[in-house]
Amino acid sequence: MHSELRNLDLNLLLVFDAIYRHQSVVLAADELSLSPSACSHALTRLRQALSDDLFVRYGSSMHPSLLAEQIADDVSAALSILGTRLSARRHFKPAESNETFILAATDFTAFAILPLLMRQLSKQAPHIKVQVVYSAHRDALDDLAAGRVHFSLGFTNHAEEHFEGVEAINCFADDYVVLASASHPRLCDTLSIEQYLAERHVVVLPWSDSDSVIDNALRQQGMQRNVCVQLPSMMAAPFIVGHSEYLATLPRRAAHHFMDTASLRVLEAPFPSPTYYLKAFFHPRYAAGASHRWLREQIEWTFAKQAAKP
């Protein structure tokens, strides 16, 4: 690829563009903060590289050759695009930007973070766009490394758990509780492990190749629950539980949010609950850009607000 560019110093295109616009080596040199002799030398190198005179002097002006006329617009456009992209890495004006940010998330991580985050973004950057794609894994490492997403809203089961090649912003830690129908005929305000294991359960597995952290925790204690419904999404779980005798073991914050949507009760888990750590993963390769830094600051602000909530 780009075989024609391999032997070309791309800085010479800046000289070409300036001479074409000013029709003067002196004025081009002044714009580029070069001496006239350095600018002339650069033009000589460009002529040799392209095997064309490019500019011919008529009186006090440098008139473009046919080749120069043919490539001038493309060179100008390429320099403009590159300059804009590089400038955007250093300067970002939220109020003026129409940039699109791509976030990977599950339904619950999006539900937990996006309402407050989007309220913040809509105030500061009313023209930006946010695209949420379904996270293929809890950390979306491949998508982050390839630049297909800017952030992945995921979680870990240990506070210090990290993944090679990515960094993370910590949000809040949560434990798990049991969600049951308010009219469940066999349950009261407390739940024993015997009752828990005797009931049927709804389990949420966003990623088909991963196991439930609750089942892992029970297995380590030599126990197994009776899973009758397996869902890829958390949002259907409370409605299934509210209209049945099934139980669902969910993060505490999610369970309390769902209390307002169905006739439910929240019970403490009758076994040592794993801990759920919500995080925003990002790849350091893209972290230096001004827009990325700005969005990172907004996510950190949102996480601080969420962590402060009970």
Protein backbone atom coordinates (compact mmCIF):
# COMPACT_ATOMS: atom_id res chain seq x y z
CA MET A 1 0.00 0.00 0.00
CA HIS A 2 0.99 3.65 -0.58
CA SER A 3 3.93 2.64 -2.79
CA GLU A 4 4.02 6.12 -4.34
CA LEU A 5 4.48 7.70 -0.92
CA ARG A 6 7.32 5.55 0.36
CA ASN A 7 10.05 7.75 -1.08
CA LEU A 8 8.22 11.02 -0.50
CA ASP A 9 8.76 13.23 2.54
CA LEU A 10 5.18 14.14 3.39
CA ASN A 11 6.34 17.46 4.86
CA LEU A 12 6.97 18.51 1.28
CA LEU A 13 3.22 18.46 0.66
CA LEU A 14 2.88 21.33 3.12
CA VAL A 15 5.33 23.29 0.99
CA PHE A 16 3.43 22.37 -2.17
CA ASP A 17 0.10 23.46 -0.69
CA ALA A 18 1.48 26.78 0.56
CA ILE A 19 3.17 27.66 -2.75
CA TYR A 20 0.05 26.70 -4.68
CA ARG A 21 -2.13 28.98 -2.54
CA HIS A 22 0.26 31.93 -2.42
CA GLN A 23 1.90 31.47 -5.86
CA SER A 24 5.04 32.64 -4.09
CA VAL A 25 7.98 30.87 -2.49
CA VAL A 26 8.62 33.83 -0.18
CA LEU A 27 5.03 33.99 1.11
CA ALA A 28 4.89 30.20 1.46
CA ALA A 29 8.14 30.24 3.42
CA ASP A 30 6.76 32.95 5.70
CA GLU A 31 3.61 30.90 6.40
CA LEU A 32 5.64 27.80 7.18
CA SER A 33 8.25 29.67 9.24
CA LEU A 34 11.00 28.67 6.81
CA SER A 35 13.65 30.71 5.10
CA PRO A 36 13.03 31.31 1.36
CA SER A 37 16.11 29.20 0.54
CA ALA A 38 14.83 26.29 2.67
CA CYS A 39 11.46 26.53 0.95
CA SER A 40 13.14 26.55 -2.49
CA HIS A 41 15.22 23.55 -1.50
CA ALA A 42 12.07 21.70 -0.40
CA LEU A 43 10.42 22.51 -3.75
CA THR A 44 13.47 21.11 -5.58
CA ARG A 45 13.19 17.86 -3.61
CA LEU A 46 9.48 17.62 -4.37
CA ARG A 47 10.11 18.21 -8.09
CA GLN A 48 12.65 15.38 -8.09
CA ALA A 49 10.31 13.05 -6.21
CA LEU A 50 7.38 13.69 -8.58
CA SER A 51 9.46 14.16 -11.77
CA ASP A 52 7.63 17.38 -12.60
CA ASP A 53 8.39 21.10 -12.42
CA LEU A 54 5.15 21.66 -10.47
CA PHE A 55 5.56 25.47 -10.54
CA VAL A 56 6.96 27.73 -13.24
CA ARG A 57 7.83 31.36 -12.59
CA TYR A 58 5.99 34.00 -14.60
CA GLY A 59 7.02 37.46 -13.50
CA SER A 60 6.72 37.53 -9.72
CA SER A 61 4.33 34.56 -9.48
CA MET A 62 4.79 30.79 -9.41
CA HIS A 63 2.22 29.25 -11.76
CA PRO A 64 1.23 25.59 -11.29
CA SER A 65 1.95 22.94 -13.89
CA LEU A 66 -0.76 20.61 -15.18
CA LEU A 67 0.18 17.96 -12.59
CA ALA A 68 0.14 20.55 -9.82
CA GLU A 69 -3.37 21.60 -10.86
CA GLN A 70 -4.49 17.97 -10.89
CA ILE A 71 -3.25 17.13 -7.40
CA ALA A 72 -3.72 20.48 -5.60
CA ASP A 73 -7.28 19.89 -4.37
CA ASP A 74 -6.52 16.36 -3.19
CA VAL A 75 -3.37 17.46 -1.35
CA SER A 76 -5.28 20.30 0.32
CA ALA A 77 -8.12 17.97 1.35
CA ALA A 78 -5.73 15.34 2.71
CA LEU A 79 -3.81 17.91 4.76
CA SER A 80 -7.06 19.36 6.07
CA ILE A 81 -8.40 15.97 7.16
CA LEU A 82 -5.14 15.00 8.82
CA GLY A 83 -4.80 18.39 10.51
CA THR A 84 -8.35 18.24 11.83
CA ARG A 85 -7.86 14.73 13.21
CA LEU A 86 -4.58 15.58 14.89
CA SER A 87 -5.97 18.82 16.29
CA ALA A 88 -8.98 16.96 17.66
CA ARG A 89 -6.64 14.84 19.76
CA ARG A 90 -5.46 18.00 21.53
CA HIS A 91 -8.55 20.21 21.43
CA PHE A 92 -12.13 19.22 22.05
CA LYS A 93 -15.04 21.61 22.41
CA PRO A 94 -17.97 19.64 23.82
CA ALA A 95 -20.57 22.30 23.05
CA GLU A 96 -19.63 22.28 19.34
CA SER A 97 -18.76 18.63 18.77
CA ASN A 98 -20.94 16.22 16.80
CA GLU A 99 -18.66 13.25 17.46
CA THR A 100 -20.12 9.76 17.92
CA PHE A 101 -18.99 7.74 20.94
CA ILE A 102 -19.48 3.98 20.96
CA LEU A 103 -20.02 2.14 24.23
CA ALA A 104 -20.25 -1.62 24.73
CA ALA A 105 -22.67 -2.64 27.45
CA THR A 106 -25.19 -5.18 28.63
CA ASP A 107 -28.74 -4.13 29.34
CA PHE A 108 -28.01 -3.81 33.06
CA THR A 109 -24.70 -1.92 32.81
CA ALA A 110 -26.37 0.46 30.36
CA PHE A 111 -29.35 0.80 32.70
CA ALA A 112 -27.11 1.45 35.70
CA ILE A 113 -25.01 4.19 34.11
CA LEU A 114 -26.54 5.73 30.98
CA PRO A 115 -29.50 7.68 32.41
CA LEU A 116 -27.28 9.85 34.62
CA LEU A 117 -24.42 9.92 32.09
CA MET A 118 -26.67 11.00 29.24
CA ARG A 119 -28.19 13.76 31.37
CA GLN A 120 -24.67 15.07 31.94
CA LEU A 121 -23.65 14.75 28.28
CA SER A 122 -26.81 16.41 26.98
CA LYS A 123 -26.02 19.50 29.04
CA GLN A 124 -22.39 19.83 28.02
CA ALA A 125 -22.40 18.44 24.49
CA PRO A 126 -25.90 18.63 22.97
CA HIS A 127 -24.77 17.59 19.48
CA ILE A 128 -22.76 14.47 20.24
CA LYS A 129 -24.15 10.99 19.58
CA VAL A 130 -23.83 7.91 21.75
CA GLN A 131 -24.15 4.47 20.18
CA VAL A 132 -24.50 1.49 22.51
CA VAL A 133 -23.60 -1.94 21.16
CA TYR A 134 -24.14 -5.20 22.98
CA SER A 135 -21.03 -6.33 24.79
CA ALA A 136 -19.88 -9.74 23.58
CA HIS A 137 -17.99 -10.25 26.86
CA ARG A 138 -17.85 -8.55 30.22
CA ASP A 139 -14.76 -6.50 29.25
CA ALA A 140 -14.99 -6.39 25.41
CA LEU A 141 -11.18 -6.62 25.14
CA ASP A 142 -11.07 -7.32 21.41
CA ASP A 143 -13.42 -4.46 20.55
CA LEU A 144 -11.46 -2.03 22.72
CA ALA A 145 -8.10 -3.06 21.26
CA ALA A 146 -9.40 -2.74 17.70
CA GLY A 147 -10.93 0.67 18.38
CA ARG A 148 -14.44 -0.54 17.57
CA VAL A 149 -15.70 0.83 20.90
CA HIS A 150 -14.46 3.70 23.06
CA PHE A 151 -15.53 2.25 26.41
CA SER A 152 -16.92 -1.03 27.67
CA LEU A 153 -19.30 -0.90 30.64
CA GLY A 154 -18.56 -4.22 32.31
CA PHE A 155 -17.83 -5.75 35.69
CA THR A 156 -15.44 -7.93 37.61
CA ASN A 157 -15.92 -10.17 40.63
CA HIS A 158 -12.81 -8.91 42.44
CA ALA A 159 -11.88 -5.31 43.22
CA GLU A 160 -8.31 -5.63 41.93
CA GLU A 161 -9.10 -7.88 38.97
CA HIS A 162 -7.68 -6.42 35.77
CA PHE A 163 -7.15 -7.48 32.18
CA GLU A 164 -3.91 -7.14 30.28
CA GLY A 165 -3.83 -4.25 27.83
CA VAL A 166 -6.81 -2.30 29.17
CA GLU A 167 -7.43 0.17 31.97
CA ALA A 168 -10.58 0.63 34.00
CA ILE A 169 -12.52 3.29 35.86
CA ASN A 170 -14.14 1.91 39.01
CA CYS A 171 -17.78 2.67 39.72
CA PHE A 172 -19.46 0.97 42.67
CA ALA A 173 -19.34 -2.37 44.42
CA ASP A 174 -22.55 -4.28 44.99
CA ASP A 175 -23.62 -7.57 46.48
CA TYR A 176 -26.45 -9.88 45.45
CA VAL A 177 -29.93 -10.27 46.88
CA VAL A 178 -32.88 -12.51 46.07
CA LEU A 179 -35.91 -11.18 44.24
CA ALA A 180 -39.25 -12.89 44.79
CA SER A 181 -42.90 -12.19 44.11
CA ALA A 182 -44.59 -10.24 46.89
CA SER A 183 -47.30 -12.92 46.93
CA HIS A 184 -44.96 -15.91 46.95
CA PRO A 185 -46.89 -18.54 48.99
CA ARG A 186 -43.92 -20.18 50.73
CA LEU A 187 -41.67 -17.24 51.65
CA CYS A 188 -41.72 -14.76 54.51
CA ASP A 189 -39.35 -11.88 55.24
CA THR A 190 -36.31 -14.10 55.68
CA LEU A 191 -34.98 -16.88 53.51
CA SER A 192 -33.05 -19.94 54.63
CA ILE A 193 -30.59 -21.76 52.42
CA GLU A 194 -32.90 -24.80 52.49
CA GLN A 195 -35.81 -22.71 51.18
CA TYR A 196 -33.57 -21.10 48.58
CA LEU A 197 -32.38 -24.43 47.20
CA ALA A 198 -35.90 -25.89 47.24
CA GLU A 199 -37.27 -23.16 44.95
CA ARG A 200 -36.89 -22.80 41.19
CA HIS A 201 -34.71 -20.02 39.81
CA VAL A 202 -34.30 -17.55 36.96
CA VAL A 203 -30.66 -16.96 35.99
CA VAL A 204 -29.31 -14.13 33.82
CA LEU A 205 -26.33 -15.02 31.63
CA PRO A 206 -25.47 -12.15 29.23
CA TRP A 207 -22.64 -14.23 27.72
CA SER A 208 -23.49 -17.79 26.74
CA ASP A 209 -19.88 -18.93 27.25
CA SER A 210 -19.71 -17.82 30.89
CA ASP A 211 -21.07 -19.36 34.06
CA SER A 212 -23.20 -17.65 36.69
CA VAL A 213 -21.22 -16.16 39.58
CA ILE A 214 -24.01 -17.28 41.93
CA ASP A 215 -23.83 -20.89 40.75
CA ASN A 216 -20.06 -20.77 41.12
CA ALA A 217 -20.41 -19.47 44.68
CA LEU A 218 -22.92 -22.18 45.55
CA ARG A 219 -20.81 -24.87 43.92
CA GLN A 220 -17.82 -23.89 46.06
CA GLN A 221 -19.99 -24.61 49.11
CA GLY A 222 -21.16 -27.95 47.71
CA MET A 223 -24.63 -26.70 46.77
CA GLN A 224 -26.64 -26.42 43.55
CA ARG A 225 -29.84 -24.54 42.81
CA ASN A 226 -32.61 -25.57 40.40
CA VAL A 227 -32.35 -23.23 37.39
CA CYS A 228 -35.48 -23.37 35.25
CA VAL A 229 -35.20 -20.17 33.21
CA GLN A 230 -32.02 -18.84 31.63
CA LEU A 231 -32.10 -15.31 30.16
CA PRO A 232 -29.57 -13.22 28.19
CA SER A 233 -31.13 -10.03 29.59
CA MET A 234 -31.78 -8.88 33.15
CA MET A 235 -34.76 -6.71 32.21
CA ALA A 236 -37.20 -9.59 31.75
CA ALA A 237 -36.27 -11.25 35.04
CA PRO A 238 -38.34 -9.12 37.48
CA PHE A 239 -41.50 -9.51 35.42
CA ILE A 240 -41.09 -13.28 35.26
CA VAL A 241 -40.49 -13.38 39.01
CA GLY A 242 -43.40 -11.04 39.72
CA HIS A 243 -45.82 -13.33 37.89
CA SER A 244 -44.52 -16.67 39.13
CA GLU A 245 -42.99 -18.47 42.08
CA TYR A 246 -39.49 -18.35 40.65
CA LEU A 247 -36.62 -16.56 42.41
CA ALA A 248 -33.91 -14.42 40.82
CA THR A 249 -30.60 -13.53 42.47
CA LEU A 250 -29.51 -10.12 41.19
CA PRO A 251 -27.25 -7.21 42.16
CA ARG A 252 -28.83 -5.30 45.05
CA ARG A 253 -29.11 -1.99 43.19
CA ALA A 254 -30.84 -3.63 40.25
CA ALA A 255 -33.26 -5.46 42.52
CA HIS A 256 -34.29 -2.27 44.31
CA HIS A 257 -34.79 -0.47 40.99
CA PHE A 258 -37.07 -3.29 39.87
CA MET A 259 -39.20 -3.02 43.01
CA ASP A 260 -41.02 -0.10 41.36
CA THR A 261 -41.88 -2.04 38.21
CA ALA A 262 -43.54 -5.16 39.61
CA SER A 263 -45.04 -6.60 42.78
CA LEU A 264 -41.80 -7.86 44.29
CA ARG A 265 -39.93 -8.30 47.55
CA VAL A 266 -36.18 -8.27 48.15
CA LEU A 267 -34.67 -10.87 50.49
CA GLU A 268 -31.14 -11.17 51.76
CA ALA A 269 -29.16 -13.98 50.17
CA PRO A 270 -28.91 -16.94 52.58
CA PHE A 271 -25.27 -17.60 51.66
CA PRO A 272 -22.08 -15.50 51.44
CA SER A 273 -22.77 -13.27 48.44
CA PRO A 274 -20.16 -12.58 45.76
CA THR A 275 -19.35 -8.91 45.11
CA TYR A 276 -20.12 -7.20 41.82
CA TYR A 277 -17.73 -4.39 40.74
CA LEU A 278 -19.05 -2.18 37.95
CA LYS A 279 -16.31 -0.67 35.77
CA ALA A 280 -15.72 1.19 32.52
CA PHE A 281 -12.88 -0.39 30.55
CA PHE A 282 -10.89 1.53 27.96
CA HIS A 283 -7.76 0.95 25.88
CA PRO A 284 -4.78 3.22 26.65
CA ARG A 285 -3.97 3.36 22.92
CA TYR A 286 -6.86 5.78 22.40
CA ALA A 287 -6.81 7.48 25.79
CA ALA A 288 -4.65 10.49 24.78
CA GLY A 289 -7.28 12.02 22.49
CA ALA A 290 -8.98 15.13 23.88
CA SER A 291 -12.49 13.82 23.23
CA HIS A 292 -11.65 10.50 24.90
CA ARG A 293 -10.26 12.32 27.93
CA TRP A 294 -13.38 14.44 28.14
CA LEU A 295 -15.72 11.45 27.99
CA ARG A 296 -13.59 9.67 30.56
CA GLU A 297 -14.06 12.65 32.89
CA GLN A 298 -17.83 12.50 32.40
CA ILE A 299 -17.88 8.77 33.15
CA GLU A 300 -15.78 9.34 36.27
CA TRP A 301 -18.21 12.06 37.39
CA THR A 302 -21.16 9.72 36.78
CA PHE A 303 -19.47 6.89 38.66
CA ALA A 304 -18.79 9.18 41.63
CA LYS A 305 -22.46 10.17 41.73
CA GLN A 306 -23.59 6.55 41.47
CA ALA A 307 -21.16 5.37 44.12
CA ALA A 308 -22.50 8.00 46.51
CA LYS A 309 -26.01 6.61 46.25
CA PRO A 310 -27.05 3.99 48.84
